[in-house]
Amino acid sequence: MDKQTLITYLEDMDVALKSKAILYIYGSAAFILLDEPGRTSLDIDVAAPYSEVNEKDLREAGESVGLPVNPDDEYSGDHIEWIGPLRLCLQPPTAGSEITLWQGAKLRIQTGTVTELIASKLIRYDDIDQSDIRYLLSQGHVSFSDIESATKRLPPAFANDPLVMEHLANLKTDIEVWGVA
């Protein structure tokens, strides 16, 4: 999905939801709504523990608009990934620091700060993640020490992961090469 398709889904879900909902997203859908050029995705990653929604209502609304929640592995269309606490590679939001990406009558889409989004990308740090980080860094001044602090606030399984620390060190070098911070 591209930005227009994503917004159409959100508008349709806003109508389909029975109650108010706040979805706290990260990953590619957040970058699409942050206007990263050319960014697309098949899913909307929702941080379940940080969202405020009746899960049954979300599943029903998602199905009705063509966005199933956590479909089986054979499914290859647009969908919602409901990410529980064990797989969540995003720090808990700090009250008042959330960024509202989209707002309807019942549905609000929020994400974390730039540094929180960057830290979440250090789990994989593949070419797409690097492109996402580079885009965020080009949008405003973010220091490496801010990113390093955000990385330390990731959930313990990720904050202490040697691979995340290696990716953080690689990011420090990449920032110098990119000349964006």
C-alpha atoms as a PDB file:
ATOM      1  CA  MET A   1       0.000   0.000   0.000  1.00  0.00           C
ATOM      2  CA  ASP A   2       1.100   3.538  -0.676  1.00  0.00           C
ATOM      3  CA  LYS A   3       0.065   6.643   1.275  1.00  0.00           C
ATOM      4  CA  GLN A   4      -3.256   7.164  -0.519  1.00  0.00           C
ATOM      5  CA  THR A   5      -4.225   3.501  -0.098  1.00  0.00           C
ATOM      6  CA  LEU A   6      -3.274   3.611   3.583  1.00  0.00           C
ATOM      7  CA  ILE A   7      -5.316   6.752   4.183  1.00  0.00           C
ATOM      8  CA  THR A   8      -8.300   5.194   2.406  1.00  0.00           C
ATOM      9  CA  TYR A   9      -8.032   2.150   4.706  1.00  0.00           C
ATOM     10  CA  LEU A  10      -7.864   4.432   7.751  1.00  0.00           C
ATOM     11  CA  GLU A  11     -10.873   6.458   6.610  1.00  0.00           C
ATOM     12  CA  ASP A  12     -12.860   3.264   6.013  1.00  0.00           C
ATOM     13  CA  MET A  13     -11.823   1.829   9.394  1.00  0.00           C
ATOM     14  CA  ASP A  14     -12.815   5.076  11.064  1.00  0.00           C
ATOM     15  CA  VAL A  15     -16.346   4.533   9.748  1.00  0.00           C
ATOM     16  CA  ALA A  16     -16.361   0.782  10.519  1.00  0.00           C
ATOM     17  CA  LEU A  17     -15.182   1.039  14.139  1.00  0.00           C
ATOM     18  CA  LYS A  18     -17.902   0.915  16.775  1.00  0.00           C
ATOM     19  CA  SER A  19     -15.869   2.731  19.412  1.00  0.00           C
ATOM     20  CA  LYS A  20     -13.002   5.190  19.648  1.00  0.00           C
ATOM     21  CA  ALA A  21      -9.540   3.759  19.092  1.00  0.00           C
ATOM     22  CA  ILE A  22      -5.923   4.871  19.216  1.00  0.00           C
ATOM     23  CA  LEU A  23      -3.501   2.712  17.271  1.00  0.00           C
ATOM     24  CA  TYR A  24       0.157   3.227  18.116  1.00  0.00           C
ATOM     25  CA  ILE A  25       2.060   2.264  14.991  1.00  0.00           C
ATOM     26  CA  TYR A  26       5.661   1.963  13.954  1.00  0.00           C
ATOM     27  CA  GLY A  27       7.474   0.412  11.015  1.00  0.00           C
ATOM     28  CA  SER A  28       6.708   1.140   7.395  1.00  0.00           C
ATOM     29  CA  ALA A  29       3.172   2.512   7.853  1.00  0.00           C
ATOM     30  CA  ALA A  30       4.529   5.205  10.180  1.00  0.00           C
ATOM     31  CA  PHE A  31       7.120   6.156   7.568  1.00  0.00           C
ATOM     32  CA  ILE A  32       4.463   6.254   4.857  1.00  0.00           C
ATOM     33  CA  LEU A  33       2.404   8.685   6.956  1.00  0.00           C
ATOM     34  CA  LEU A  34       5.552  10.699   7.700  1.00  0.00           C
ATOM     35  CA  ASP A  35       5.776  11.256   3.919  1.00  0.00           C
ATOM     36  CA  GLU A  36       8.901   9.235   3.178  1.00  0.00           C
ATOM     37  CA  PRO A  37       9.036   9.352  -0.634  1.00  0.00           C
ATOM     38  CA  GLY A  38       8.246   6.081  -2.404  1.00  0.00           C
ATOM     39  CA  ARG A  39       7.643   4.149   0.833  1.00  0.00           C
ATOM     40  CA  THR A  40       5.156   1.271   0.552  1.00  0.00           C
ATOM     41  CA  SER A  41       4.168  -1.714   2.663  1.00  0.00           C
ATOM     42  CA  LEU A  42       1.813  -4.667   2.932  1.00  0.00           C
ATOM     43  CA  ASP A  43       1.185  -4.188   6.641  1.00  0.00           C
ATOM     44  CA  ILE A  44       0.478  -1.763   9.426  1.00  0.00           C
ATOM     45  CA  ASP A  45       2.552  -2.658  12.493  1.00  0.00           C
ATOM     46  CA  VAL A  46       0.498  -1.874  15.610  1.00  0.00           C
ATOM     47  CA  ALA A  47       2.159  -1.874  19.035  1.00  0.00           C
ATOM     48  CA  ALA A  48      -0.633  -3.653  20.895  1.00  0.00           C
ATOM     49  CA  PRO A  49       0.428  -2.747  24.461  1.00  0.00           C
ATOM     50  CA  TYR A  50       0.597   0.969  23.594  1.00  0.00           C
ATOM     51  CA  SER A  51      -2.697   1.124  21.695  1.00  0.00           C
ATOM     52  CA  GLU A  52      -6.133   1.872  23.107  1.00  0.00           C
ATOM     53  CA  VAL A  53      -8.673  -0.198  21.216  1.00  0.00           C
ATOM     54  CA  ASN A  54     -11.188  -2.939  21.690  1.00  0.00           C
ATOM     55  CA  GLU A  55      -9.364  -5.752  19.902  1.00  0.00           C
ATOM     56  CA  LYS A  56     -12.576  -7.472  18.765  1.00  0.00           C
ATOM     57  CA  ASP A  57     -13.815  -4.185  17.295  1.00  0.00           C
ATOM     58  CA  LEU A  58     -10.461  -3.682  15.538  1.00  0.00           C
ATOM     59  CA  ARG A  59     -10.551  -7.170  14.037  1.00  0.00           C
ATOM     60  CA  GLU A  60     -14.123  -6.740  12.802  1.00  0.00           C
ATOM     61  CA  ALA A  61     -13.444  -3.278  11.354  1.00  0.00           C
ATOM     62  CA  GLY A  62     -10.213  -4.498   9.743  1.00  0.00           C
ATOM     63  CA  GLU A  63     -11.941  -7.465   8.116  1.00  0.00           C
ATOM     64  CA  SER A  64     -14.759  -5.269   6.823  1.00  0.00           C
ATOM     65  CA  VAL A  65     -12.331  -2.934   5.016  1.00  0.00           C
ATOM     66  CA  GLY A  66      -9.971  -5.624   3.730  1.00  0.00           C
ATOM     67  CA  LEU A  67      -7.288  -5.331   6.420  1.00  0.00           C
ATOM     68  CA  PRO A  68      -7.310  -8.594   8.356  1.00  0.00           C
ATOM     69  CA  VAL A  69      -5.436  -8.670  11.663  1.00  0.00           C
ATOM     70  CA  ASN A  70      -2.571 -11.186  11.807  1.00  0.00           C
ATOM     71  CA  PRO A  71      -3.720 -13.303   8.864  1.00  0.00           C
ATOM     72  CA  ASP A  72      -2.165 -16.725   8.267  1.00  0.00           C
ATOM     73  CA  ASP A  73       1.248 -17.000   6.620  1.00  0.00           C
ATOM     74  CA  GLU A  74      -0.186 -17.766   3.177  1.00  0.00           C
ATOM     75  CA  TYR A  75      -2.000 -14.417   3.056  1.00  0.00           C
ATOM     76  CA  SER A  76      -0.167 -11.940   0.833  1.00  0.00           C
ATOM     77  CA  GLY A  77      -2.398  -8.846   0.880  1.00  0.00           C
ATOM     78  CA  ASP A  78      -2.505  -5.680   2.938  1.00  0.00           C
ATOM     79  CA  HIS A  79      -3.092  -6.379   6.625  1.00  0.00           C
ATOM     80  CA  ILE A  80      -2.583  -5.299  10.234  1.00  0.00           C
ATOM     81  CA  GLU A  81       0.184  -6.865  12.325  1.00  0.00           C
ATOM     82  CA  TRP A  82      -0.956  -6.806  15.950  1.00  0.00           C
ATOM     83  CA  ILE A  83       2.408  -6.939  17.746  1.00  0.00           C
ATOM     84  CA  GLY A  84       2.273  -8.212  21.317  1.00  0.00           C
ATOM     85  CA  PRO A  85       4.770  -7.452  24.093  1.00  0.00           C
ATOM     86  CA  LEU A  86       7.117 -10.379  23.397  1.00  0.00           C
ATOM     87  CA  ARG A  87       7.850  -9.318  19.813  1.00  0.00           C
ATOM     88  CA  LEU A  88       7.591  -5.561  20.330  1.00  0.00           C
ATOM     89  CA  CYS A  89      10.861  -3.794  19.562  1.00  0.00           C
ATOM     90  CA  LEU A  90       9.682  -0.332  20.563  1.00  0.00           C
ATOM     91  CA  GLN A  91      10.047   1.454  23.851  1.00  0.00           C
ATOM     92  CA  PRO A  92       6.938   2.465  25.793  1.00  0.00           C
ATOM     93  CA  PRO A  93       5.777   5.925  24.772  1.00  0.00           C
ATOM     94  CA  THR A  94       6.428   8.836  27.058  1.00  0.00           C
ATOM     95  CA  ALA A  95       3.142  10.589  27.815  1.00  0.00           C
ATOM     96  CA  GLY A  96       2.805  13.664  25.656  1.00  0.00           C
ATOM     97  CA  SER A  97       5.603  12.724  23.242  1.00  0.00           C
ATOM     98  CA  GLU A  98       3.392  10.816  20.828  1.00  0.00           C
ATOM     99  CA  ILE A  99       3.117  12.095  17.270  1.00  0.00           C
ATOM    100  CA  THR A 100      -0.371  12.001  15.763  1.00  0.00           C
ATOM    101  CA  LEU A 101      -0.045  10.859  12.151  1.00  0.00           C
ATOM    102  CA  TRP A 102      -3.737  10.719  11.238  1.00  0.00           C
ATOM    103  CA  GLN A 103      -7.008  11.554  12.956  1.00  0.00           C
ATOM    104  CA  GLY A 104     -10.574  10.593  12.090  1.00  0.00           C
ATOM    105  CA  ALA A 105     -13.820  10.808  14.047  1.00  0.00           C
ATOM    106  CA  LYS A 106     -13.158   7.576  16.004  1.00  0.00           C
ATOM    107  CA  LEU A 107      -9.666   6.479  14.964  1.00  0.00           C
ATOM    108  CA  ARG A 108      -6.399   8.171  15.824  1.00  0.00           C
ATOM    109  CA  ILE A 109      -3.045   6.914  14.542  1.00  0.00           C
ATOM    110  CA  GLN A 110      -0.008   7.756  16.673  1.00  0.00           C
ATOM    111  CA  THR A 111       3.667   6.922  16.714  1.00  0.00           C
ATOM    112  CA  GLY A 112       6.710   7.637  18.832  1.00  0.00           C
ATOM    113  CA  THR A 113       9.421  10.223  18.583  1.00  0.00           C
ATOM    114  CA  VAL A 114      12.003  10.262  15.811  1.00  0.00           C
ATOM    115  CA  THR A 115      14.619   8.739  18.120  1.00  0.00           C
ATOM    116  CA  GLU A 116      12.229   5.965  19.201  1.00  0.00           C
ATOM    117  CA  LEU A 117      11.486   5.102  15.564  1.00  0.00           C
ATOM    118  CA  ILE A 118      15.191   5.074  14.728  1.00  0.00           C
ATOM    119  CA  ALA A 119      15.987   2.823  17.708  1.00  0.00           C
ATOM    120  CA  SER A 120      13.289   0.367  16.583  1.00  0.00           C
ATOM    121  CA  LYS A 121      15.002   0.122  13.182  1.00  0.00           C
ATOM    122  CA  LEU A 122      18.226  -1.143  14.784  1.00  0.00           C
ATOM    123  CA  ILE A 123      16.693  -4.577  15.343  1.00  0.00           C
ATOM    124  CA  ARG A 124      17.210  -5.504  11.694  1.00  0.00           C
ATOM    125  CA  TYR A 125      19.092  -2.527  10.183  1.00  0.00           C
ATOM    126  CA  ASP A 126      18.694  -3.768   6.618  1.00  0.00           C
ATOM    127  CA  ASP A 127      18.759  -1.515   3.537  1.00  0.00           C
ATOM    128  CA  ILE A 128      15.128  -0.430   3.995  1.00  0.00           C
ATOM    129  CA  ASP A 129      15.688   0.335   7.688  1.00  0.00           C
ATOM    130  CA  GLN A 130      18.772   2.371   6.813  1.00  0.00           C
ATOM    131  CA  SER A 131      16.777   4.299   4.212  1.00  0.00           C
ATOM    132  CA  ASP A 132      14.042   4.986   6.792  1.00  0.00           C
ATOM    133  CA  ILE A 133      16.608   6.218   9.316  1.00  0.00           C
ATOM    134  CA  ARG A 134      18.326   8.376   6.732  1.00  0.00           C
ATOM    135  CA  TYR A 135      14.972   9.936   5.828  1.00  0.00           C
ATOM    136  CA  LEU A 136      14.210  10.780   9.471  1.00  0.00           C
ATOM    137  CA  LEU A 137      17.671  12.212  10.018  1.00  0.00           C
ATOM    138  CA  SER A 138      17.266  14.434   6.953  1.00  0.00           C
ATOM    139  CA  GLN A 139      14.053  15.915   8.409  1.00  0.00           C
ATOM    140  CA  GLY A 140      15.625  17.501  11.458  1.00  0.00           C
ATOM    141  CA  HIS A 141      18.526  17.485  13.823  1.00  0.00           C
ATOM    142  CA  VAL A 142      18.819  14.351  15.900  1.00  0.00           C
ATOM    143  CA  SER A 143      22.023  13.615  17.741  1.00  0.00           C
ATOM    144  CA  PHE A 144      23.628  10.206  17.909  1.00  0.00           C
ATOM    145  CA  SER A 145      23.560  10.416  21.720  1.00  0.00           C
ATOM    146  CA  ASP A 146      19.749  10.837  21.565  1.00  0.00           C
ATOM    147  CA  ILE A 147      19.512   7.701  19.411  1.00  0.00           C
ATOM    148  CA  GLU A 148      21.852   5.856  21.767  1.00  0.00           C
ATOM    149  CA  SER A 149      19.660   6.820  24.745  1.00  0.00           C
ATOM    150  CA  ALA A 150      16.510   5.700  22.916  1.00  0.00           C
ATOM    151  CA  THR A 151      18.175   2.368  22.151  1.00  0.00           C
ATOM    152  CA  LYS A 152      18.843   1.832  25.858  1.00  0.00           C
ATOM    153  CA  ARG A 153      15.113   2.324  26.512  1.00  0.00           C
ATOM    154  CA  LEU A 154      14.057  -0.462  24.137  1.00  0.00           C
ATOM    155  CA  PRO A 155      12.433  -3.460  25.848  1.00  0.00           C
ATOM    156  CA  PRO A 156      15.164  -5.438  27.691  1.00  0.00           C
ATOM    157  CA  ALA A 157      15.306  -8.290  25.173  1.00  0.00           C
ATOM    158  CA  PHE A 158      16.311  -5.776  22.496  1.00  0.00           C
ATOM    159  CA  ALA A 159      18.200  -3.142  24.517  1.00  0.00           C
ATOM    160  CA  ASN A 160      20.699  -5.778  25.625  1.00  0.00           C
ATOM    161  CA  ASP A 161      20.917  -7.598  22.296  1.00  0.00           C
ATOM    162  CA  PRO A 162      24.510  -7.724  20.938  1.00  0.00           C
ATOM    163  CA  LEU A 163      23.219  -7.427  17.361  1.00  0.00           C
ATOM    164  CA  VAL A 164      21.350  -4.200  18.203  1.00  0.00           C
ATOM    165  CA  MET A 165      24.556  -2.829  19.762  1.00  0.00           C
ATOM    166  CA  GLU A 166      26.467  -3.779  16.613  1.00  0.00           C
ATOM    167  CA  HIS A 167      23.851  -2.037  14.460  1.00  0.00           C
ATOM    168  CA  LEU A 168      24.068   1.048  16.686  1.00  0.00           C
ATOM    169  CA  ALA A 169      27.836   1.168  16.137  1.00  0.00           C
ATOM    170  CA  ASN A 170      27.274   0.759  12.388  1.00  0.00           C
ATOM    171  CA  LEU A 171      24.733   3.586  12.471  1.00  0.00           C
ATOM    172  CA  LYS A 172      27.279   5.885  14.105  1.00  0.00           C
ATOM    173  CA  THR A 173      29.652   5.259  11.187  1.00  0.00           C
ATOM    174  CA  ASP A 174      26.849   5.532   8.624  1.00  0.00           C
ATOM    175  CA  ILE A 175      25.710   8.897   9.995  1.00  0.00           C
ATOM    176  CA  GLU A 176      29.211  10.256   9.388  1.00  0.00           C
ATOM    177  CA  VAL A 177      29.254   8.827   5.854  1.00  0.00           C
ATOM    178  CA  TRP A 178      25.742  10.106   5.099  1.00  0.00           C
ATOM    179  CA  GLY A 179      26.520  13.550   6.523  1.00  0.00           C
ATOM    180  CA  VAL A 180      23.011  13.935   7.936  1.00  0.00           C
ATOM    181  CA  ALA A 181      23.507  14.562  11.650  1.00  0.00           C
END
